[in-house]
Amino acid sequence: MRPEWDEYFIEIAKVVSSRATCMRRKYGAVIVKDRVIISTGYNGSPRGIDNCIDLKRCTRKELNVPSGERYELCEAVHAEQNAIINGPPDRMKGATIYIAGFEEDGTYAAGRPCKLCDRMIRNSQIMDVVYLNKDGTLEKITV
């Protein structure tokens, strides 16, 4: 059966998440305009910085910091941020970003963007956000 467009692009975001280098959660993001992929990103250390999975060390995990807190302790750049950084600014206006994430145990992670990513999405003029909820359902919001 042929998937709907949102399902198709969220599946691609899942595959992109497989490149993530975070020990706690793996996220992938895909920015799409006119049904054409214009950028992808996954969460991981900035270019030139050692990745947590390579160092086998995560400060937030060691300190048992809950999700969504104390980001200043984390080396990683979020998937949404990387997709925005890697994409052409002129193509972002009116685009859709698809976000999929997984916990360490392989279950779905909450895909709704954090406050910082939400601001970056708005500033890049992306119009819609489609993400996977923890229960595996799709959610769509217009920013």
N, C-alpha and C. Protein backbone atom coordinates (compact mmCIF):
# COMPACT_ATOMS: atom_id res chain seq x y z
N MET A 1 0.84 -1.18 0.00
CA MET A 1 0.00 0.00 0.00
C MET A 1 0.89 1.25 0.00
N ARG A 2 0.53 2.20 -0.80
CA ARG A 2 1.31 3.42 -0.96
C ARG A 2 1.04 4.37 0.21
N PRO A 3 2.10 4.82 0.91
CA PRO A 3 1.89 5.70 2.07
C PRO A 3 1.47 7.11 1.67
N GLU A 4 0.75 7.76 2.56
CA GLU A 4 0.44 9.19 2.37
C GLU A 4 1.75 9.97 2.52
N TRP A 5 1.77 11.22 2.05
CA TRP A 5 2.99 12.01 2.06
C TRP A 5 3.57 12.18 3.47
N ASP A 6 2.72 12.50 4.45
CA ASP A 6 3.24 12.69 5.81
C ASP A 6 3.88 11.41 6.34
N GLU A 7 3.26 10.27 6.07
CA GLU A 7 3.82 8.99 6.51
C GLU A 7 5.14 8.70 5.79
N TYR A 8 5.20 9.01 4.53
CA TYR A 8 6.40 8.80 3.73
C TYR A 8 7.58 9.59 4.30
N PHE A 9 7.37 10.89 4.54
CA PHE A 9 8.46 11.73 5.03
C PHE A 9 8.82 11.43 6.48
N ILE A 10 7.87 11.01 7.30
CA ILE A 10 8.20 10.64 8.68
C ILE A 10 9.04 9.36 8.68
N GLU A 11 8.79 8.46 7.75
CA GLU A 11 9.61 7.26 7.64
C GLU A 11 11.05 7.62 7.27
N ILE A 12 11.21 8.61 6.43
CA ILE A 12 12.56 9.07 6.08
C ILE A 12 13.22 9.70 7.31
N ALA A 13 12.47 10.46 8.09
CA ALA A 13 13.02 11.04 9.33
C ALA A 13 13.48 9.95 10.29
N LYS A 14 12.75 8.83 10.33
CA LYS A 14 13.17 7.70 11.17
C LYS A 14 14.53 7.18 10.72
N VAL A 15 14.71 7.04 9.41
CA VAL A 15 15.98 6.54 8.89
C VAL A 15 17.10 7.55 9.19
N VAL A 16 16.83 8.83 9.03
CA VAL A 16 17.83 9.86 9.33
C VAL A 16 18.25 9.76 10.79
N SER A 17 17.32 9.44 11.69
CA SER A 17 17.65 9.33 13.12
C SER A 17 18.69 8.24 13.40
N SER A 18 18.82 7.28 12.50
CA SER A 18 19.78 6.20 12.71
C SER A 18 21.23 6.70 12.68
N ARG A 19 21.46 7.89 12.17
CA ARG A 19 22.80 8.50 12.15
C ARG A 19 23.11 9.28 13.43
N ALA A 20 22.13 9.47 14.31
CA ALA A 20 22.31 10.27 15.52
C ALA A 20 23.42 9.70 16.40
N THR A 21 24.10 10.58 17.11
CA THR A 21 25.23 10.16 17.93
C THR A 21 24.99 10.37 19.42
N CYS A 22 23.77 10.66 19.80
CA CYS A 22 23.41 10.83 21.21
C CYS A 22 23.19 9.45 21.84
N MET A 23 23.62 9.30 23.08
CA MET A 23 23.45 8.02 23.77
C MET A 23 22.05 7.84 24.34
N ARG A 24 21.33 8.95 24.58
CA ARG A 24 20.02 8.87 25.24
C ARG A 24 18.87 8.74 24.24
N ARG A 25 18.90 9.57 23.21
CA ARG A 25 17.81 9.58 22.24
C ARG A 25 18.35 9.84 20.85
N LYS A 26 17.69 9.27 19.87
CA LYS A 26 18.09 9.46 18.48
C LYS A 26 16.94 10.14 17.74
N TYR A 27 17.22 11.30 17.18
CA TYR A 27 16.22 12.05 16.44
C TYR A 27 16.68 12.30 15.02
N GLY A 28 15.70 12.34 14.11
CA GLY A 28 15.95 12.71 12.73
C GLY A 28 14.94 13.74 12.30
N ALA A 29 15.36 14.65 11.46
CA ALA A 29 14.47 15.70 10.94
C ALA A 29 14.66 15.81 9.43
N VAL A 30 13.56 16.05 8.75
CA VAL A 30 13.56 16.22 7.29
C VAL A 30 12.75 17.46 6.97
N ILE A 31 13.34 18.37 6.23
CA ILE A 31 12.61 19.57 5.79
C ILE A 31 12.21 19.37 4.34
N VAL A 32 10.92 19.60 4.08
CA VAL A 32 10.33 19.31 2.78
C VAL A 32 9.55 20.52 2.28
N LYS A 33 9.72 20.82 1.01
CA LYS A 33 8.90 21.85 0.38
C LYS A 33 8.46 21.35 -0.98
N ASP A 34 7.18 21.49 -1.25
CA ASP A 34 6.61 21.03 -2.52
C ASP A 34 6.92 19.55 -2.77
N ARG A 35 6.90 18.76 -1.67
CA ARG A 35 7.14 17.31 -1.71
C ARG A 35 8.55 16.94 -2.16
N VAL A 36 9.47 17.87 -1.98
CA VAL A 36 10.88 17.65 -2.30
C VAL A 36 11.69 17.88 -1.03
N ILE A 37 12.58 16.94 -0.69
CA ILE A 37 13.43 17.09 0.49
C ILE A 37 14.48 18.15 0.21
N ILE A 38 14.55 19.15 1.11
CA ILE A 38 15.54 20.20 0.93
C ILE A 38 16.66 20.13 1.97
N SER A 39 16.43 19.38 3.07
CA SER A 39 17.48 19.23 4.06
C SER A 39 17.10 18.12 5.04
N THR A 40 18.14 17.55 5.66
CA THR A 40 17.93 16.58 6.74
C THR A 40 18.91 16.91 7.86
N GLY A 41 18.61 16.39 9.05
CA GLY A 41 19.52 16.57 10.18
C GLY A 41 19.23 15.54 11.24
N TYR A 42 20.24 15.22 12.02
CA TYR A 42 20.08 14.32 13.15
C TYR A 42 20.81 14.93 14.34
N ASN A 43 20.49 14.47 15.54
CA ASN A 43 21.12 15.05 16.71
C ASN A 43 22.51 14.45 16.94
N GLY A 44 23.44 15.33 17.26
CA GLY A 44 24.80 14.91 17.50
C GLY A 44 25.70 16.09 17.75
N SER A 45 26.93 15.80 18.11
CA SER A 45 27.90 16.84 18.43
C SER A 45 28.18 17.72 17.21
N PRO A 46 28.55 18.98 17.44
CA PRO A 46 28.92 19.86 16.33
C PRO A 46 30.12 19.31 15.57
N ARG A 47 30.26 19.73 14.35
CA ARG A 47 31.41 19.31 13.53
C ARG A 47 32.71 19.57 14.28
N GLY A 48 33.59 18.58 14.29
CA GLY A 48 34.88 18.74 14.93
C GLY A 48 34.92 18.41 16.41
N ILE A 49 33.76 18.13 17.01
CA ILE A 49 33.68 17.78 18.43
C ILE A 49 33.40 16.29 18.53
N ASP A 50 34.08 15.61 19.45
CA ASP A 50 33.85 14.18 19.63
C ASP A 50 32.40 13.90 20.02
N ASN A 51 31.86 12.83 19.47
CA ASN A 51 30.48 12.43 19.76
C ASN A 51 30.40 11.64 21.06
N CYS A 52 29.28 11.77 21.74
CA CYS A 52 29.06 11.05 23.00
C CYS A 52 29.20 9.54 22.81
N ILE A 53 28.64 9.00 21.72
CA ILE A 53 28.72 7.55 21.54
C ILE A 53 30.15 7.08 21.32
N ASP A 54 31.00 7.96 20.75
CA ASP A 54 32.41 7.59 20.57
C ASP A 54 33.17 7.70 21.89
N LEU A 55 32.80 8.68 22.70
CA LEU A 55 33.45 8.87 24.00
C LEU A 55 32.89 7.91 25.05
N LYS A 56 31.71 7.33 24.72
CA LYS A 56 30.99 6.46 25.66
C LYS A 56 30.70 7.18 26.98
N ARG A 57 30.31 8.45 26.83
CA ARG A 57 30.05 9.27 28.01
C ARG A 57 29.00 10.33 27.69
N CYS A 58 28.01 10.45 28.56
CA CYS A 58 26.97 11.47 28.44
C CYS A 58 26.80 12.11 29.81
N THR A 59 27.15 13.39 29.89
CA THR A 59 27.07 14.10 31.17
C THR A 59 25.65 14.12 31.70
N ARG A 60 24.67 14.40 30.84
CA ARG A 60 23.28 14.47 31.30
C ARG A 60 22.80 13.11 31.79
N LYS A 61 23.22 12.06 31.11
CA LYS A 61 22.83 10.71 31.53
C LYS A 61 23.48 10.36 32.88
N GLU A 62 24.76 10.69 33.02
CA GLU A 62 25.47 10.42 34.28
C GLU A 62 24.82 11.15 35.46
N LEU A 63 24.33 12.36 35.22
CA LEU A 63 23.69 13.16 36.27
C LEU A 63 22.20 12.88 36.39
N ASN A 64 21.69 11.96 35.55
CA ASN A 64 20.28 11.59 35.55
C ASN A 64 19.36 12.81 35.34
N VAL A 65 19.75 13.66 34.40
CA VAL A 65 18.98 14.87 34.09
C VAL A 65 17.76 14.48 33.26
N PRO A 66 16.57 14.89 33.67
CA PRO A 66 15.36 14.55 32.89
C PRO A 66 15.36 15.19 31.51
N SER A 67 14.62 14.59 30.61
CA SER A 67 14.46 15.11 29.26
C SER A 67 13.95 16.54 29.31
N GLY A 68 14.52 17.38 28.46
CA GLY A 68 14.06 18.76 28.36
C GLY A 68 14.70 19.72 29.35
N GLU A 69 15.65 19.24 30.15
CA GLU A 69 16.29 20.09 31.15
C GLU A 69 17.81 20.11 30.97
N ARG A 70 18.41 21.20 31.38
CA ARG A 70 19.86 21.37 31.47
C ARG A 70 20.60 21.11 30.15
N TYR A 71 20.06 21.67 29.07
CA TYR A 71 20.69 21.48 27.77
C TYR A 71 22.12 22.02 27.71
N GLU A 72 22.46 22.95 28.59
CA GLU A 72 23.82 23.50 28.58
C GLU A 72 24.88 22.44 28.90
N LEU A 73 24.44 21.31 29.47
CA LEU A 73 25.36 20.21 29.77
C LEU A 73 25.58 19.28 28.58
N CYS A 74 24.82 19.49 27.52
CA CYS A 74 24.83 18.58 26.37
C CYS A 74 25.66 19.15 25.23
N GLU A 75 26.46 18.29 24.62
CA GLU A 75 27.27 18.68 23.45
C GLU A 75 26.46 18.70 22.16
N ALA A 76 25.35 17.97 22.14
CA ALA A 76 24.63 17.73 20.89
C ALA A 76 23.87 18.95 20.37
N VAL A 77 23.79 19.00 19.06
CA VAL A 77 22.91 19.93 18.35
C VAL A 77 21.69 19.11 17.97
N HIS A 78 20.49 19.67 18.16
CA HIS A 78 19.26 18.94 17.88
C HIS A 78 19.09 18.70 16.38
N ALA A 79 18.35 17.66 16.06
CA ALA A 79 18.11 17.29 14.66
C ALA A 79 17.47 18.44 13.87
N GLU A 80 16.49 19.10 14.48
CA GLU A 80 15.83 20.22 13.80
C GLU A 80 16.82 21.34 13.50
N GLN A 81 17.69 21.63 14.48
CA GLN A 81 18.70 22.67 14.29
C GLN A 81 19.64 22.32 13.16
N ASN A 82 20.12 21.08 13.13
CA ASN A 82 21.03 20.65 12.06
C ASN A 82 20.36 20.72 10.70
N ALA A 83 19.09 20.32 10.62
CA ALA A 83 18.38 20.38 9.34
C ALA A 83 18.25 21.83 8.87
N ILE A 84 17.97 22.73 9.80
CA ILE A 84 17.84 24.16 9.44
C ILE A 84 19.20 24.72 9.03
N ILE A 85 20.25 24.41 9.78
CA ILE A 85 21.59 24.89 9.47
C ILE A 85 22.04 24.41 8.09
N ASN A 86 21.71 23.16 7.75
CA ASN A 86 22.15 22.56 6.50
C ASN A 86 21.30 22.94 5.29
N GLY A 87 20.14 23.54 5.53
CA GLY A 87 19.23 23.83 4.44
C GLY A 87 19.41 25.23 3.86
N PRO A 88 18.99 25.41 2.62
CA PRO A 88 19.05 26.74 2.00
C PRO A 88 17.95 27.65 2.56
N PRO A 89 18.31 28.79 3.15
CA PRO A 89 17.32 29.67 3.79
C PRO A 89 16.16 30.07 2.89
N ASP A 90 16.43 30.31 1.61
CA ASP A 90 15.37 30.76 0.71
C ASP A 90 14.33 29.67 0.43
N ARG A 91 14.67 28.40 0.66
CA ARG A 91 13.72 27.31 0.42
C ARG A 91 12.91 26.95 1.67
N MET A 92 13.28 27.46 2.83
CA MET A 92 12.61 27.09 4.08
C MET A 92 11.22 27.73 4.21
N LYS A 93 11.07 28.92 3.66
CA LYS A 93 9.81 29.64 3.82
C LYS A 93 8.64 28.81 3.29
N GLY A 94 7.70 28.50 4.19
CA GLY A 94 6.52 27.74 3.82
C GLY A 94 6.74 26.24 3.80
N ALA A 95 7.90 25.77 4.21
CA ALA A 95 8.22 24.33 4.18
C ALA A 95 7.60 23.60 5.38
N THR A 96 7.76 22.29 5.40
CA THR A 96 7.31 21.44 6.50
C THR A 96 8.52 20.70 7.03
N ILE A 97 8.62 20.59 8.36
CA ILE A 97 9.68 19.80 8.97
C ILE A 97 9.05 18.56 9.60
N TYR A 98 9.64 17.41 9.34
CA TYR A 98 9.19 16.12 9.88
C TYR A 98 10.21 15.67 10.92
N ILE A 99 9.74 15.25 12.10
CA ILE A 99 10.63 14.89 13.20
C ILE A 99 10.22 13.54 13.77
N ALA A 100 11.21 12.65 13.88
CA ALA A 100 10.98 11.33 14.49
C ALA A 100 12.11 11.06 15.47
N GLY A 101 11.75 10.47 16.61
CA GLY A 101 12.77 10.19 17.61
C GLY A 101 12.55 8.86 18.31
N PHE A 102 13.64 8.34 18.86
CA PHE A 102 13.60 7.05 19.55
C PHE A 102 14.39 7.13 20.86
N GLU A 103 13.86 6.45 21.87
CA GLU A 103 14.54 6.32 23.15
C GLU A 103 15.64 5.26 23.02
N GLU A 104 16.46 5.13 24.05
CA GLU A 104 17.52 4.12 24.07
C GLU A 104 16.99 2.71 23.82
N ASP A 105 15.79 2.44 24.35
CA ASP A 105 15.23 1.09 24.23
C ASP A 105 14.50 0.85 22.91
N GLY A 106 14.51 1.85 22.01
CA GLY A 106 13.88 1.69 20.70
C GLY A 106 12.44 2.15 20.62
N THR A 107 11.83 2.51 21.76
CA THR A 107 10.47 3.03 21.73
C THR A 107 10.49 4.47 21.21
N TYR A 108 9.34 4.93 20.76
CA TYR A 108 9.27 6.31 20.24
C TYR A 108 9.52 7.32 21.35
N ALA A 109 10.25 8.36 21.00
CA ALA A 109 10.46 9.50 21.90
C ALA A 109 9.52 10.62 21.48
N ALA A 110 9.24 11.51 22.39
CA ALA A 110 8.38 12.66 22.07
C ALA A 110 9.05 13.48 20.98
N GLY A 111 8.34 13.75 19.90
CA GLY A 111 8.93 14.45 18.76
C GLY A 111 8.64 15.92 18.70
N ARG A 112 7.79 16.41 19.59
CA ARG A 112 7.47 17.85 19.56
C ARG A 112 8.74 18.66 19.83
N PRO A 113 9.01 19.68 19.03
CA PRO A 113 10.23 20.46 19.22
C PRO A 113 10.30 21.14 20.59
N CYS A 114 11.52 21.25 21.11
CA CYS A 114 11.73 21.98 22.36
C CYS A 114 11.55 23.48 22.07
N LYS A 115 11.59 24.29 23.10
CA LYS A 115 11.38 25.74 22.93
C LYS A 115 12.42 26.38 22.02
N LEU A 116 13.68 25.99 22.18
CA LEU A 116 14.72 26.55 21.33
C LEU A 116 14.51 26.18 19.87
N CYS A 117 14.23 24.90 19.61
CA CYS A 117 13.99 24.46 18.23
C CYS A 117 12.74 25.11 17.66
N ASP A 118 11.71 25.27 18.49
CA ASP A 118 10.50 25.94 18.04
C ASP A 118 10.83 27.35 17.54
N ARG A 119 11.65 28.07 18.28
CA ARG A 119 12.04 29.43 17.87
C ARG A 119 12.84 29.40 16.56
N MET A 120 13.72 28.43 16.43
CA MET A 120 14.51 28.33 15.19
C MET A 120 13.62 27.98 14.00
N ILE A 121 12.66 27.10 14.22
CA ILE A 121 11.72 26.73 13.16
C ILE A 121 10.93 27.96 12.72
N ARG A 122 10.44 28.70 13.68
CA ARG A 122 9.68 29.93 13.35
C ARG A 122 10.56 30.93 12.62
N ASN A 123 11.78 31.11 13.10
CA ASN A 123 12.69 32.09 12.50
C ASN A 123 13.09 31.70 11.08
N SER A 124 13.13 30.41 10.78
CA SER A 124 13.46 29.97 9.43
C SER A 124 12.26 30.03 8.49
N GLN A 125 11.10 30.36 9.06
CA GLN A 125 9.84 30.51 8.32
C GLN A 125 9.26 29.20 7.82
N ILE A 126 9.66 28.10 8.48
CA ILE A 126 9.00 26.81 8.22
C ILE A 126 7.57 26.95 8.70
N MET A 127 6.62 26.46 7.94
CA MET A 127 5.21 26.68 8.25
C MET A 127 4.59 25.57 9.11
N ASP A 128 4.92 24.32 8.81
CA ASP A 128 4.28 23.19 9.50
C ASP A 128 5.32 22.27 10.12
N VAL A 129 4.93 21.67 11.24
CA VAL A 129 5.75 20.68 11.93
C VAL A 129 4.93 19.40 12.04
N VAL A 130 5.47 18.29 11.54
CA VAL A 130 4.83 16.99 11.66
C VAL A 130 5.79 16.12 12.47
N TYR A 131 5.30 15.55 13.56
CA TYR A 131 6.18 14.75 14.41
C TYR A 131 5.46 13.53 14.95
N LEU A 132 6.28 12.57 15.38
CA LEU A 132 5.75 11.36 16.00
C LEU A 132 5.60 11.57 17.50
N ASN A 133 4.45 11.19 18.03
CA ASN A 133 4.24 11.17 19.47
C ASN A 133 4.84 9.91 20.05
N LYS A 134 4.91 9.85 21.37
CA LYS A 134 5.46 8.66 22.04
C LYS A 134 4.67 7.40 21.73
N ASP A 135 3.38 7.56 21.37
CA ASP A 135 2.58 6.39 21.05
C ASP A 135 2.63 6.01 19.57
N GLY A 136 3.47 6.73 18.80
CA GLY A 136 3.65 6.40 17.39
C GLY A 136 2.66 7.07 16.46
N THR A 137 1.77 7.91 16.98
CA THR A 137 0.83 8.64 16.13
C THR A 137 1.47 9.92 15.63
N LEU A 138 1.00 10.38 14.47
CA LEU A 138 1.50 11.63 13.91
C LEU A 138 0.71 12.81 14.43
N GLU A 139 1.42 13.90 14.67
CA GLU A 139 0.81 15.15 15.09
C GLU A 139 1.28 16.21 14.11
N LYS A 140 0.40 17.12 13.74
CA LYS A 140 0.77 18.20 12.83
C LYS A 140 0.36 19.52 13.43
N ILE A 141 1.31 20.46 13.49
CA ILE A 141 1.01 21.80 13.99
C ILE A 141 1.50 22.84 12.98
N THR A 142 0.79 23.92 12.91
CA THR A 142 1.20 25.05 12.08
C THR A 142 1.80 26.09 13.01
N VAL A 143 2.99 26.55 12.66
CA VAL A 143 3.68 27.53 13.54
C VAL A 143 3.47 28.94 13.03
